[in-house]
PDB file of N, CA and C in Angstrom:
ATOM      1  N   MET A   1      25.432  -1.469  -4.402  1.00  0.00           N
ATOM      2  CA  MET A   1      24.899  -1.006  -5.107  1.00  0.00           C
ATOM      3  C   MET A   1      23.470  -0.046  -4.083  1.00  0.00           C
ATOM      4  N   ARG A   2      23.204   1.253  -4.722  1.00  0.00           N
ATOM      5  CA  ARG A   2      22.619   1.663  -3.704  1.00  0.00           C
ATOM      6  C   ARG A   2      21.190   2.152  -4.723  1.00  0.00           C
ATOM      7  N   PHE A   3      19.859   1.969  -4.096  1.00  0.00           N
ATOM      8  CA  PHE A   3      18.667   2.493  -4.866  1.00  0.00           C
ATOM      9  C   PHE A   3      17.915   2.906  -3.334  1.00  0.00           C
ATOM     10  N   ILE A   4      16.847   4.017  -4.201  1.00  0.00           N
ATOM     11  CA  ILE A   4      15.936   3.852  -3.271  1.00  0.00           C
ATOM     12  C   ILE A   4      14.577   3.357  -3.576  1.00  0.00           C
ATOM     13  N   ASP A   5      13.902   2.689  -2.152  1.00  0.00           N
ATOM     14  CA  ASP A   5      12.950   1.771  -2.585  1.00  0.00           C
ATOM     15  C   ASP A   5      11.539   2.318  -1.747  1.00  0.00           C
ATOM     16  N   ASN A   6      10.572   1.424  -1.745  1.00  0.00           N
ATOM     17  CA  ASN A   6       9.763   2.065  -1.026  1.00  0.00           C
ATOM     18  C   ASN A   6       9.930   1.343   0.842  1.00  0.00           C
ATOM     19  N   THR A   7       9.650   1.767   1.050  1.00  0.00           N
ATOM     20  CA  THR A   7       9.404   1.380   2.653  1.00  0.00           C
ATOM     21  C   THR A   7       8.607   0.129   2.958  1.00  0.00           C
ATOM     22  N   THR A   8       7.916   0.125   2.425  1.00  0.00           N
ATOM     23  CA  THR A   8       6.812  -1.409   2.498  1.00  0.00           C
ATOM     24  C   THR A   8       7.752  -2.574   1.869  1.00  0.00           C
ATOM     25  N   SER A   9       8.384  -2.543   1.158  1.00  0.00           N
ATOM     26  CA  SER A   9       9.119  -3.350   0.546  1.00  0.00           C
ATOM     27  C   SER A   9      10.626  -3.893   1.093  1.00  0.00           C
ATOM     28  N   ILE A  10      11.104  -2.111   1.422  1.00  0.00           N
ATOM     29  CA  ILE A  10      12.637  -2.382   2.146  1.00  0.00           C
ATOM     30  C   ILE A  10      12.973  -2.444   3.497  1.00  0.00           C
ATOM     31  N   VAL A  11      12.238  -1.836   3.827  1.00  0.00           N
ATOM     32  CA  VAL A  11      12.291  -1.946   5.694  1.00  0.00           C
ATOM     33  C   VAL A  11      12.125  -3.280   6.232  1.00  0.00           C
ATOM     34  N   PRO A  12      11.662  -4.612   5.845  1.00  0.00           N
ATOM     35  CA  PRO A  12      11.440  -5.575   6.463  1.00  0.00           C
ATOM     36  C   PRO A  12      12.947  -6.293   6.134  1.00  0.00           C
ATOM     37  N   HIS A  13      13.502  -6.112   4.876  1.00  0.00           N
ATOM     38  CA  HIS A  13      15.245  -6.776   4.752  1.00  0.00           C
ATOM     39  C   HIS A  13      15.744  -5.526   5.206  1.00  0.00           C
ATOM     40  N   ALA A  14      15.631  -4.943   5.476  1.00  0.00           N
ATOM     41  CA  ALA A  14      16.603  -3.540   6.572  1.00  0.00           C
ATOM     42  C   ALA A  14      16.711  -4.356   7.733  1.00  0.00           C
ATOM     43  N   ARG A  15      15.692  -4.164   8.470  1.00  0.00           N
ATOM     44  CA  ARG A  15      15.264  -5.042   9.629  1.00  0.00           C
ATOM     45  C   ARG A  15      15.869  -6.285   9.655  1.00  0.00           C
ATOM     46  N   ALA A  16      15.632  -7.315   8.568  1.00  0.00           N
ATOM     47  CA  ALA A  16      16.351  -8.452   8.575  1.00  0.00           C
ATOM     48  C   ALA A  16      17.657  -8.520   8.539  1.00  0.00           C
ATOM     49  N   GLY A  17      18.164  -7.609   8.406  1.00  0.00           N
ATOM     50  CA  GLY A  17      19.520  -7.593   8.050  1.00  0.00           C
ATOM     51  C   GLY A  17      20.108  -7.732   6.812  1.00  0.00           C
ATOM     52  N   SER A  18      19.316  -8.036   5.693  1.00  0.00           N
ATOM     53  CA  SER A  18      19.908  -8.585   4.704  1.00  0.00           C
ATOM     54  C   SER A  18      20.120  -7.659   3.712  1.00  0.00           C
ATOM     55  N   VAL A  19      19.914  -6.268   3.804  1.00  0.00           N
ATOM     56  CA  VAL A  19      20.316  -5.161   3.097  1.00  0.00           C
ATOM     57  C   VAL A  19      21.029  -3.910   4.211  1.00  0.00           C
ATOM     58  N   ARG A  20      21.120  -2.938   3.935  1.00  0.00           N
ATOM     59  CA  ARG A  20      21.520  -1.908   4.579  1.00  0.00           C
ATOM     60  C   ARG A  20      20.916  -0.855   4.283  1.00  0.00           C
ATOM     61  N   ALA A  21      19.882   0.034   5.098  1.00  0.00           N
ATOM     62  CA  ALA A  21      19.244   1.098   5.016  1.00  0.00           C
ATOM     63  C   ALA A  21      20.110   2.658   5.293  1.00  0.00           C
ATOM     64  N   LEU A  22      20.752   3.187   4.471  1.00  0.00           N
ATOM     65  CA  LEU A  22      21.260   4.512   4.539  1.00  0.00           C
ATOM     66  C   LEU A  22      20.270   5.399   5.014  1.00  0.00           C
ATOM     67  N   GLY A  23      18.958   5.612   4.971  1.00  0.00           N
ATOM     68  CA  GLY A  23      18.286   6.516   5.502  1.00  0.00           C
ATOM     69  C   GLY A  23      16.702   6.238   5.256  1.00  0.00           C
ATOM     70  N   ILE A  24      15.528   7.196   5.595  1.00  0.00           N
ATOM     71  CA  ILE A  24      14.491   7.394   5.198  1.00  0.00           C
ATOM     72  C   ILE A  24      13.804   8.545   4.287  1.00  0.00           C
ATOM     73  N   SER A  25      13.531   8.453   3.670  1.00  0.00           N
ATOM     74  CA  SER A  25      13.133  10.186   3.083  1.00  0.00           C
ATOM     75  C   SER A  25      12.302  10.927   3.520  1.00  0.00           C
ATOM     76  N   THR A  26      12.291  11.246   5.001  1.00  0.00           N
ATOM     77  CA  THR A  26      11.117  11.725   5.542  1.00  0.00           C
ATOM     78  C   THR A  26      12.080  13.204   6.262  1.00  0.00           C
ATOM     79  N   LEU A  27      11.325  14.263   6.289  1.00  0.00           N
ATOM     80  CA  LEU A  27      12.450  15.321   7.129  1.00  0.00           C
ATOM     81  C   LEU A  27      12.773  15.208   8.782  1.00  0.00           C
ATOM     82  N   THR A  28      11.714  14.178   9.374  1.00  0.00           N
ATOM     83  CA  THR A  28      11.926  14.203  10.834  1.00  0.00           C
ATOM     84  C   THR A  28      12.022  12.730  10.841  1.00  0.00           C
ATOM     85  N   ARG A  29      12.497  11.950  11.843  1.00  0.00           N
ATOM     86  CA  ARG A  29      12.710  10.073  12.264  1.00  0.00           C
ATOM     87  C   ARG A  29      10.982   9.909  12.357  1.00  0.00           C
ATOM     88  N   TRP A  30      10.667   9.278  11.284  1.00  0.00           N
ATOM     89  CA  TRP A  30       9.470   9.004  11.081  1.00  0.00           C
ATOM     90  C   TRP A  30       9.058   7.320  12.046  1.00  0.00           C
ATOM     91  N   PRO A  31       7.895   7.937  13.017  1.00  0.00           N
ATOM     92  CA  PRO A  31       7.658   7.180  14.141  1.00  0.00           C
ATOM     93  C   PRO A  31       7.612   5.452  13.664  1.00  0.00           C
ATOM     94  N   LEU A  32       7.082   5.156  12.780  1.00  0.00           N
ATOM     95  CA  LEU A  32       6.381   4.038  12.377  1.00  0.00           C
ATOM     96  C   LEU A  32       8.387   3.321  11.604  1.00  0.00           C
ATOM     97  N   ALA A  33       9.444   4.207  11.417  1.00  0.00           N
ATOM     98  CA  ALA A  33      10.483   3.349  11.065  1.00  0.00           C
ATOM     99  C   ALA A  33      11.266   4.550  12.083  1.00  0.00           C
ATOM    100  N   SER A  34      11.335   4.510  13.209  1.00  0.00           N
ATOM    101  CA  SER A  34      11.925   5.047  13.974  1.00  0.00           C
ATOM    102  C   SER A  34      13.574   4.902  13.881  1.00  0.00           C
ATOM    103  N   ASP A  35      13.961   3.545  13.946  1.00  0.00           N
ATOM    104  CA  ASP A  35      15.475   3.042  13.609  1.00  0.00           C
ATOM    105  C   ASP A  35      15.957   3.423  12.614  1.00  0.00           C
ATOM    106  N   PHE A  36      15.586   4.297  11.641  1.00  0.00           N
ATOM    107  CA  PHE A  36      16.399   4.504  10.353  1.00  0.00           C
ATOM    108  C   PHE A  36      15.929   6.268  10.300  1.00  0.00           C
ATOM    109  N   ALA A  37      17.276   6.543  10.232  1.00  0.00           N
ATOM    110  CA  ALA A  37      17.594   7.961  10.334  1.00  0.00           C
ATOM    111  C   ALA A  37      17.014   9.069   8.861  1.00  0.00           C
ATOM    112  N   PRO A  38      16.408  10.156   9.244  1.00  0.00           N
ATOM    113  CA  PRO A  38      15.936  10.848   8.044  1.00  0.00           C
ATOM    114  C   PRO A  38      17.067  11.384   6.932  1.00  0.00           C
ATOM    115  N   ILE A  39      16.813  10.951   5.733  1.00  0.00           N
ATOM    116  CA  ILE A  39      17.951  11.466   4.437  1.00  0.00           C
ATOM    117  C   ILE A  39      17.980  12.881   5.043  1.00  0.00           C
ATOM    118  N   ALA A  40      17.222  13.544   5.253  1.00  0.00           N
ATOM    119  CA  ALA A  40      17.144  15.095   5.395  1.00  0.00           C
ATOM    120  C   ALA A  40      18.380  15.528   6.789  1.00  0.00           C
ATOM    121  N   ASP A  41      18.517  14.978   7.284  1.00  0.00           N
ATOM    122  CA  ASP A  41      19.523  14.916   8.268  1.00  0.00           C
ATOM    123  C   ASP A  41      20.970  15.310   7.685  1.00  0.00           C
ATOM    124  N   ALA A  42      21.287  14.727   5.920  1.00  0.00           N
ATOM    125  CA  ALA A  42      22.491  15.130   5.685  1.00  0.00           C
ATOM    126  C   ALA A  42      22.216  15.795   4.425  1.00  0.00           C
ATOM    127  N   VAL A  43      21.088  16.101   3.804  1.00  0.00           N
ATOM    128  CA  VAL A  43      20.448  16.837   2.798  1.00  0.00           C
ATOM    129  C   VAL A  43      18.923  17.533   3.396  1.00  0.00           C
ATOM    130  N   PRO A  44      19.430  18.416   4.048  1.00  0.00           N
ATOM    131  CA  PRO A  44      18.102  19.619   4.618  1.00  0.00           C
ATOM    132  C   PRO A  44      17.167  19.719   3.449  1.00  0.00           C
ATOM    133  N   GLY A  45      15.899  19.269   3.961  1.00  0.00           N
ATOM    134  CA  GLY A  45      15.103  19.534   3.551  1.00  0.00           C
ATOM    135  C   GLY A  45      14.501  18.581   2.159  1.00  0.00           C
ATOM    136  N   LEU A  46      15.308  17.354   2.350  1.00  0.00           N
ATOM    137  CA  LEU A  46      15.097  16.257   1.233  1.00  0.00           C
ATOM    138  C   LEU A  46      13.928  15.214   2.196  1.00  0.00           C
ATOM    139  N   ALA A  47      12.515  15.013   1.423  1.00  0.00           N
ATOM    140  CA  ALA A  47      11.802  14.205   1.663  1.00  0.00           C
ATOM    141  C   ALA A  47      11.145  13.938   0.640  1.00  0.00           C
ATOM    142  N   ALA A  48      10.807  12.990   0.218  1.00  0.00           N
ATOM    143  CA  ALA A  48      10.023  12.367  -0.655  1.00  0.00           C
ATOM    144  C   ALA A  48       8.638  11.197  -0.218  1.00  0.00           C
ATOM    145  N   LEU A  49       8.073  11.267  -0.175  1.00  0.00           N
ATOM    146  CA  LEU A  49       6.563  10.992   0.174  1.00  0.00           C
ATOM    147  C   LEU A  49       5.600  10.292  -0.782  1.00  0.00           C
ATOM    148  N   ALA A  50       5.237   8.426  -0.413  1.00  0.00           N
ATOM    149  CA  ALA A  50       4.676   7.897  -1.513  1.00  0.00           C
ATOM    150  C   ALA A  50       2.713   8.289  -0.408  1.00  0.00           C
ATOM    151  N   PHE A  51       1.783   8.569  -1.610  1.00  0.00           N
ATOM    152  CA  PHE A  51       0.555   8.571  -0.725  1.00  0.00           C
ATOM    153  C   PHE A  51      -0.615   8.064  -1.426  1.00  0.00           C
ATOM    154  N   SER A  52      -1.565   8.068  -1.167  1.00  0.00           N
ATOM    155  CA  SER A  52      -2.782   7.787  -1.943  1.00  0.00           C
ATOM    156  C   SER A  52      -3.843   8.465  -1.550  1.00  0.00           C
ATOM    157  N   GLY A  53      -4.925   9.335  -2.310  1.00  0.00           N
ATOM    158  CA  GLY A  53      -5.977   9.622  -1.961  1.00  0.00           C
ATOM    159  C   GLY A  53      -7.110   9.647  -2.599  1.00  0.00           C
ATOM    160  N   VAL A  54      -8.304  10.067  -2.596  1.00  0.00           N
ATOM    161  CA  VAL A  54      -9.374  10.149  -3.472  1.00  0.00           C
ATOM    162  C   VAL A  54     -10.069  10.948  -3.672  1.00  0.00           C
ATOM    163  N   ALA A  55      -9.771  11.344  -5.386  1.00  0.00           N
ATOM    164  CA  ALA A  55     -10.106  12.632  -5.897  1.00  0.00           C
ATOM    165  C   ALA A  55     -11.758  12.474  -7.022  1.00  0.00           C
ATOM    166  N   VAL A  56     -12.008  13.617  -7.343  1.00  0.00           N
ATOM    167  CA  VAL A  56     -13.544  13.450  -8.069  1.00  0.00           C
ATOM    168  C   VAL A  56     -13.304  14.686  -8.912  1.00  0.00           C
ATOM    169  N   ARG A  57     -14.357  14.196  -9.874  1.00  0.00           N
ATOM    170  CA  ARG A  57     -13.943  15.020 -11.035  1.00  0.00           C
ATOM    171  C   ARG A  57     -14.976  16.640 -10.397  1.00  0.00           C
ATOM    172  N   THR A  58     -14.016  17.631 -11.334  1.00  0.00           N
ATOM    173  CA  THR A  58     -14.148  19.177 -11.258  1.00  0.00           C
ATOM    174  C   THR A  58     -15.728  19.072 -11.054  1.00  0.00           C
ATOM    175  N   GLY A  59     -16.667  19.906 -10.707  1.00  0.00           N
ATOM    176  CA  GLY A  59     -17.998  19.809 -10.892  1.00  0.00           C
ATOM    177  C   GLY A  59     -18.814  18.673 -10.185  1.00  0.00           C
ATOM    178  N   THR A  60     -18.389  18.167  -8.922  1.00  0.00           N
ATOM    179  CA  THR A  60     -18.952  16.977  -8.658  1.00  0.00           C
ATOM    180  C   THR A  60     -20.116  18.296  -7.723  1.00  0.00           C
ATOM    181  N   PRO A  61     -21.173  17.574  -7.602  1.00  0.00           N
ATOM    182  CA  PRO A  61     -22.019  18.377  -6.454  1.00  0.00           C
ATOM    183  C   PRO A  61     -21.032  18.211  -4.709  1.00  0.00           C
ATOM    184  N   PRO A  62     -21.644  19.467  -4.386  1.00  0.00           N
ATOM    185  CA  PRO A  62     -21.009  19.576  -3.113  1.00  0.00           C
ATOM    186  C   PRO A  62     -21.300  18.249  -1.677  1.00  0.00           C
ATOM    187  N   GLU A  63     -22.994  17.878  -2.156  1.00  0.00           N
ATOM    188  CA  GLU A  63     -23.364  17.009  -1.407  1.00  0.00           C
ATOM    189  C   GLU A  63     -22.301  15.906  -1.552  1.00  0.00           C
ATOM    190  N   ILE A  64     -22.193  15.435  -2.685  1.00  0.00           N
ATOM    191  CA  ILE A  64     -21.534  14.039  -2.990  1.00  0.00           C
ATOM    192  C   ILE A  64     -19.882  13.992  -2.319  1.00  0.00           C
ATOM    193  N   CYS A  65     -19.232  15.303  -2.749  1.00  0.00           N
ATOM    194  CA  CYS A  65     -18.179  15.322  -2.095  1.00  0.00           C
ATOM    195  C   CYS A  65     -18.056  15.025  -0.773  1.00  0.00           C
ATOM    196  N   ASP A  66     -19.105  16.007  -0.209  1.00  0.00           N
ATOM    197  CA  ASP A  66     -19.200  15.636   1.618  1.00  0.00           C
ATOM    198  C   ASP A  66     -19.726  14.721   1.877  1.00  0.00           C
ATOM    199  N   GLY A  67     -20.454  13.531   1.246  1.00  0.00           N
ATOM    200  CA  GLY A  67     -20.582  12.121   1.735  1.00  0.00           C
ATOM    201  C   GLY A  67     -19.379  11.419   1.455  1.00  0.00           C
ATOM    202  N   ILE A  68     -18.341  11.898   0.236  1.00  0.00           N
ATOM    203  CA  ILE A  68     -17.816  10.749   0.101  1.00  0.00           C
ATOM    204  C   ILE A  68     -16.327  11.058   0.961  1.00  0.00           C
ATOM    205  N   GLU A  69     -16.188  12.548   1.537  1.00  0.00           N
ATOM    206  CA  GLU A  69     -15.045  12.598   2.347  1.00  0.00           C
ATOM    207  C   GLU A  69     -15.257  12.203   3.930  1.00  0.00           C
ATOM    208  N   ALA A  70     -16.642  11.934   4.152  1.00  0.00           N
ATOM    209  CA  ALA A  70     -17.167  11.678   5.650  1.00  0.00           C
ATOM    210  C   ALA A  70     -16.689   9.700   5.575  1.00  0.00           C
ATOM    211  N   ALA A  71     -17.084   9.354   4.522  1.00  0.00           N
ATOM    212  CA  ALA A  71     -16.842   7.915   4.444  1.00  0.00           C
ATOM    213  C   ALA A  71     -15.390   7.704   4.504  1.00  0.00           C
ATOM    214  N   VAL A  72     -14.957   8.482   3.590  1.00  0.00           N
ATOM    215  CA  VAL A  72     -13.368   8.212   3.795  1.00  0.00           C
ATOM    216  C   VAL A  72     -12.533   8.416   5.183  1.00  0.00           C
ATOM    217  N   LYS A  73     -13.191   9.454   5.541  1.00  0.00           N
ATOM    218  CA  LYS A  73     -12.826   9.727   7.150  1.00  0.00           C
ATOM    219  C   LYS A  73     -12.915   8.549   8.338  1.00  0.00           C
ATOM    220  N   ALA A  74     -14.342   8.109   7.802  1.00  0.00           N
ATOM    221  CA  ALA A  74     -14.869   6.976   8.643  1.00  0.00           C
ATOM    222  C   ALA A  74     -13.975   5.908   8.496  1.00  0.00           C
ATOM    223  N   VAL A  75     -13.580   5.380   7.399  1.00  0.00           N
ATOM    224  CA  VAL A  75     -12.682   4.362   6.983  1.00  0.00           C
ATOM    225  C   VAL A  75     -11.434   4.776   7.298  1.00  0.00           C
ATOM    226  N   CYS A  76     -10.928   5.609   7.461  1.00  0.00           N
ATOM    227  CA  CYS A  76      -9.345   5.726   7.752  1.00  0.00           C
ATOM    228  C   CYS A  76      -9.342   5.733   9.435  1.00  0.00           C
ATOM    229  N   LYS A  77     -10.427   5.735  10.319  1.00  0.00           N
ATOM    230  CA  LYS A  77     -10.854   6.090  11.686  1.00  0.00           C
ATOM    231  C   LYS A  77     -10.723   4.452  12.279  1.00  0.00           C
ATOM    232  N   ASP A  78     -11.016   3.405  10.779  1.00  0.00           N
ATOM    233  CA  ASP A  78     -11.179   2.352  11.535  1.00  0.00           C
ATOM    234  C   ASP A  78     -10.075   1.436  11.795  1.00  0.00           C
ATOM    235  N   PRO A  79      -9.891   1.190  13.179  1.00  0.00           N
ATOM    236  CA  PRO A  79      -8.925   0.360  13.852  1.00  0.00           C
ATOM    237  C   PRO A  79      -8.851  -0.742  12.778  1.00  0.00           C
ATOM    238  N   VAL A  80      -9.169  -1.476  12.148  1.00  0.00           N
ATOM    239  CA  VAL A  80      -8.802  -2.549  11.543  1.00  0.00           C
ATOM    240  C   VAL A  80      -7.811  -2.492  10.446  1.00  0.00           C
ATOM    241  N   LEU A  81      -8.348  -1.441   9.777  1.00  0.00           N
ATOM    242  CA  LEU A  81      -7.339  -0.580   8.777  1.00  0.00           C
ATOM    243  C   LEU A  81      -6.293  -0.606   8.961  1.00  0.00           C
ATOM    244  N   ILE A  82      -5.903   0.776  10.246  1.00  0.00           N
ATOM    245  CA  ILE A  82      -4.914   0.973  11.038  1.00  0.00           C
ATOM    246  C   ILE A  82      -4.021   0.003  11.209  1.00  0.00           C
ATOM    247  N   GLU A  83      -4.862  -0.830  12.234  1.00  0.00           N
ATOM    248  CA  GLU A  83      -3.861  -2.515  12.252  1.00  0.00           C
ATOM    249  C   GLU A  83      -3.276  -3.137  10.901  1.00  0.00           C
ATOM    250  N   ARG A  84      -3.854  -2.918  10.161  1.00  0.00           N
ATOM    251  CA  ARG A  84      -3.397  -3.599   8.725  1.00  0.00           C
ATOM    252  C   ARG A  84      -2.262  -3.076   8.330  1.00  0.00           C
ATOM    253  N   MET A  85      -2.336  -1.864   8.237  1.00  0.00           N
ATOM    254  CA  MET A  85      -1.500  -0.969   7.481  1.00  0.00           C
ATOM    255  C   MET A  85      -0.210  -0.303   8.184  1.00  0.00           C
ATOM    256  N   THR A  86      -0.178  -0.204   9.599  1.00  0.00           N
ATOM    257  CA  THR A  86       0.960  -0.345  10.193  1.00  0.00           C
ATOM    258  C   THR A  86       2.265  -1.352  10.002  1.00  0.00           C
ATOM    259  N   PRO A  87       1.838  -2.661   9.575  1.00  0.00           N
ATOM    260  CA  PRO A  87       2.828  -3.122   9.696  1.00  0.00           C
ATOM    261  C   PRO A  87       3.559  -3.269   7.987  1.00  0.00           C
ATOM    262  N   LEU A  88       2.749  -2.491   7.352  1.00  0.00           N
ATOM    263  CA  LEU A  88       3.122  -2.028   5.910  1.00  0.00           C
ATOM    264  C   LEU A  88       4.100  -0.843   5.879  1.00  0.00           C
ATOM    265  N   LEU A  89       4.110  -0.021   6.967  1.00  0.00           N
ATOM    266  CA  LEU A  89       4.600   1.089   7.277  1.00  0.00           C
ATOM    267  C   LEU A  89       4.084   2.202   6.504  1.00  0.00           C
ATOM    268  N   ALA A  90       2.480   2.171   6.226  1.00  0.00           N
ATOM    269  CA  ALA A  90       1.865   3.081   6.004  1.00  0.00           C
ATOM    270  C   ALA A  90       1.131   3.502   6.837  1.00  0.00           C
ATOM    271  N   GLU A  91       1.026   4.845   7.069  1.00  0.00           N
ATOM    272  CA  GLU A  91       0.474   5.994   7.631  1.00  0.00           C
ATOM    273  C   GLU A  91      -0.815   6.180   7.231  1.00  0.00           C
ATOM    274  N   VAL A  92      -1.949   5.794   8.040  1.00  0.00           N
ATOM    275  CA  VAL A  92      -3.369   6.480   7.595  1.00  0.00           C
ATOM    276  C   VAL A  92      -3.908   7.930   8.498  1.00  0.00           C
ATOM    277  N   VAL A  93      -3.592   8.822   7.250  1.00  0.00           N
ATOM    278  CA  VAL A  93      -3.734  10.081   7.673  1.00  0.00           C
ATOM    279  C   VAL A  93      -5.643  10.331   7.694  1.00  0.00           C
ATOM    280  N   GLY A  94      -6.249  10.301   6.808  1.00  0.00           N
ATOM    281  CA  GLY A  94      -7.634  11.097   6.641  1.00  0.00           C
ATOM    282  C   GLY A  94      -7.961  12.119   6.896  1.00  0.00           C
ATOM    283  N   SER A  95      -7.045  13.094   5.921  1.00  0.00           N
ATOM    284  CA  SER A  95      -7.243  14.408   5.969  1.00  0.00           C
ATOM    285  C   SER A  95      -8.427  14.858   5.179  1.00  0.00           C
ATOM    286  N   GLY A  96      -8.813  15.713   5.391  1.00  0.00           N
ATOM    287  CA  GLY A  96     -10.333  16.128   4.425  1.00  0.00           C
ATOM    288  C   GLY A  96      -9.982  16.948   3.053  1.00  0.00           C
ATOM    289  N   ALA A  97     -10.611  16.911   2.299  1.00  0.00           N
ATOM    290  CA  ALA A  97     -10.521  17.749   0.757  1.00  0.00           C
ATOM    291  C   ALA A  97      -9.465  18.850   1.082  1.00  0.00           C
ATOM    292  N   LYS A  98      -9.990  19.748   1.925  1.00  0.00           N
ATOM    293  CA  LYS A  98      -9.038  21.125   1.948  1.00  0.00           C
ATOM    294  C   LYS A  98      -7.666  20.936   2.251  1.00  0.00           C
ATOM    295  N   GLU A  99      -7.099  20.119   3.302  1.00  0.00           N
ATOM    296  CA  GLU A  99      -5.890  19.211   3.697  1.00  0.00           C
ATOM    297  C   GLU A  99      -5.318  18.669   2.590  1.00  0.00           C
ATOM    298  N   PHE A 100      -5.992  17.937   1.898  1.00  0.00           N
ATOM    299  CA  PHE A 100      -5.662  16.915   0.949  1.00  0.00           C
ATOM    300  C   PHE A 100      -4.768  17.682  -0.468  1.00  0.00           C
ATOM    301  N   GLY A 101      -6.280  18.716  -0.427  1.00  0.00           N
ATOM    302  CA  GLY A 101      -5.737  19.445  -1.670  1.00  0.00           C
ATOM    303  C   GLY A 101      -4.123  20.494  -1.782  1.00  0.00           C
ATOM    304  N   ALA A 102      -4.442  21.304  -0.738  1.00  0.00           N
ATOM    305  CA  ALA A 102      -3.150  21.659   0.168  1.00  0.00           C
ATOM    306  C   ALA A 102      -1.798  20.820   0.432  1.00  0.00           C
ATOM    307  N   PHE A 103      -1.846  19.819   0.347  1.00  0.00           N
ATOM    308  CA  PHE A 103      -1.052  18.826   0.344  1.00  0.00           C
ATOM    309  C   PHE A 103      -0.263  18.596  -1.217  1.00  0.00           C
ATOM    310  N   ILE A 104      -1.354  18.295  -2.062  1.00  0.00           N
ATOM    311  CA  ILE A 104      -1.038  18.092  -3.471  1.00  0.00           C
ATOM    312  C   ILE A 104      -0.558  19.000  -4.333  1.00  0.00           C
ATOM    313  N   THR A 105      -1.209  20.817  -3.816  1.00  0.00           N
ATOM    314  CA  THR A 105      -0.532  21.619  -4.589  1.00  0.00           C
ATOM    315  C   THR A 105       1.114  21.758  -3.795  1.00  0.00           C
ATOM    316  N   ALA A 106       1.559  21.116  -2.577  1.00  0.00           N
ATOM    317  CA  ALA A 106       2.647  21.943  -2.160  1.00  0.00           C
ATOM    318  C   ALA A 106       3.452  20.598  -3.290  1.00  0.00           C
ATOM    319  N   GLU A 107       3.311  19.104  -3.246  1.00  0.00           N
ATOM    320  CA  GLU A 107       3.639  18.254  -3.834  1.00  0.00           C
ATOM    321  C   GLU A 107       4.493  18.983  -5.381  1.00  0.00           C
ATOM    322  N   ARG A 108       3.272  19.114  -6.195  1.00  0.00           N
ATOM    323  CA  ARG A 108       3.301  19.688  -7.356  1.00  0.00           C
ATOM    324  C   ARG A 108       3.914  21.181  -7.195  1.00  0.00           C
ATOM    325  N   THR A 109       3.991  21.649  -6.485  1.00  0.00           N
ATOM    326  CA  THR A 109       5.420  22.955  -6.383  1.00  0.00           C
ATOM    327  C   THR A 109       6.601  22.872  -6.432  1.00  0.00           C
ATOM    328  N   LYS A 110       6.673  21.858  -5.257  1.00  0.00           N
ATOM    329  CA  LYS A 110       8.010  21.429  -4.881  1.00  0.00           C
ATOM    330  C   LYS A 110       8.468  20.651  -6.430  1.00  0.00           C
ATOM    331  N   TRP A 111       8.124  19.468  -6.636  1.00  0.00           N
ATOM    332  CA  TRP A 111       8.228  18.853  -7.439  1.00  0.00           C
ATOM    333  C   TRP A 111       8.114  18.886  -9.024  1.00  0.00           C
ATOM    334  N   GLY A 112       7.710  20.275  -9.300  1.00  0.00           N
ATOM    335  CA  GLY A 112       7.579  20.635 -10.382  1.00  0.00           C
ATOM    336  C   GLY A 112       9.070  21.699 -10.941  1.00  0.00           C
ATOM    337  N   LYS A 113       9.155  22.757  -9.303  1.00  0.00           N
ATOM    338  CA  LYS A 113      10.196  23.288  -9.586  1.00  0.00           C
ATOM    339  C   LYS A 113      11.124  22.705 -10.528  1.00  0.00           C
ATOM    340  N   LEU A 114      11.843  21.098  -9.399  1.00  0.00           N
ATOM    341  CA  LEU A 114      12.674  20.255  -9.717  1.00  0.00           C
ATOM    342  C   LEU A 114      12.801  20.088 -10.802  1.00  0.00           C
ATOM    343  N   ILE A 115      11.906  19.525 -11.472  1.00  0.00           N
ATOM    344  CA  ILE A 115      11.469  18.880 -12.999  1.00  0.00           C
ATOM    345  C   ILE A 115      11.730  20.165 -13.699  1.00  0.00           C
ATOM    346  N   THR A 116      11.328  21.115 -13.647  1.00  0.00           N
ATOM    347  CA  THR A 116      11.532  22.225 -15.028  1.00  0.00           C
ATOM    348  C   THR A 116      13.253  22.764 -14.315  1.00  0.00           C
ATOM    349  N   ASP A 117      14.088  23.076 -13.259  1.00  0.00           N
ATOM    350  CA  ASP A 117      15.036  23.137 -12.609  1.00  0.00           C
ATOM    351  C   ASP A 117      16.252  22.237 -13.749  1.00  0.00           C
ATOM    352  N   LEU A 118      15.858  20.775 -13.620  1.00  0.00           N
ATOM    353  CA  LEU A 118      16.402  19.952 -14.010  1.00  0.00           C
ATOM    354  C   LEU A 118      16.322  19.696 -15.444  1.00  0.00           C
ATOM    355  N   LYS A 119      15.316  20.323 -15.995  1.00  0.00           N
ATOM    356  CA  LYS A 119      14.967  20.197 -17.682  1.00  0.00           C
ATOM    357  C   LYS A 119      14.619  18.825 -17.483  1.00  0.00           C
ATOM    358  N   ILE A 120      13.818  18.308 -16.837  1.00  0.00           N
ATOM    359  CA  ILE A 120      13.492  16.623 -17.000  1.00  0.00           C
ATOM    360  C   ILE A 120      12.321  16.536 -17.742  1.00  0.00           C
ATOM    361  N   ARG A 121      12.340  15.536 -18.576  1.00  0.00           N
ATOM    362  CA  ARG A 121      11.587  15.589 -20.049  1.00  0.00           C
ATOM    363  C   ARG A 121      11.138  14.029 -19.942  1.00  0.00           C
ATOM    364  N   VAL A 122       9.731  13.639 -20.134  1.00  0.00           N
ATOM    365  CA  VAL A 122       9.115  12.122 -20.463  1.00  0.00           C
ATOM    366  C   VAL A 122       9.954  11.526 -21.901  1.00  0.00           C
ATOM    367  N   GLY A 123       9.904  10.840 -21.890  1.00  0.00           N
ATOM    368  CA  GLY A 123      10.588   9.825 -23.191  1.00  0.00           C
ATOM    369  C   GLY A 123      11.624   9.981 -23.674  1.00  0.00           C
ATOM    370  N   ASP A 124      12.848  10.881 -22.679  1.00  0.00           N
ATOM    371  CA  ASP A 124      14.013  10.859 -23.166  1.00  0.00           C
ATOM    372  C   ASP A 124      14.681  10.085 -22.981  1.00  0.00           C
TER     373      ASP A 124
END
């Protein structure tokens, strides 16, 4: 049986030897799981990342946005957070609104094209 799973749940099993990992869905070898080859080595350009972020409603006053961004960046630098997330293979990035927005735009472009090209629809 072959399947794709989140690194948080599958990597501990792969490292214990109870399952065999065929690769990790990053473009290059990932520092938190450097013992797994990137799938992009076999399928160039293939990368699928799970991510979390903070967003606010359009029209939120800039001073509120700036305050939230500063607070999130501060939390993302907290050594306790980083220490707790690293064993879960979660990389804490803490980018700003512009960088995160550019990332979201790129992801929507990449996956939107794939969904359109493959004619994928919800509920079929």
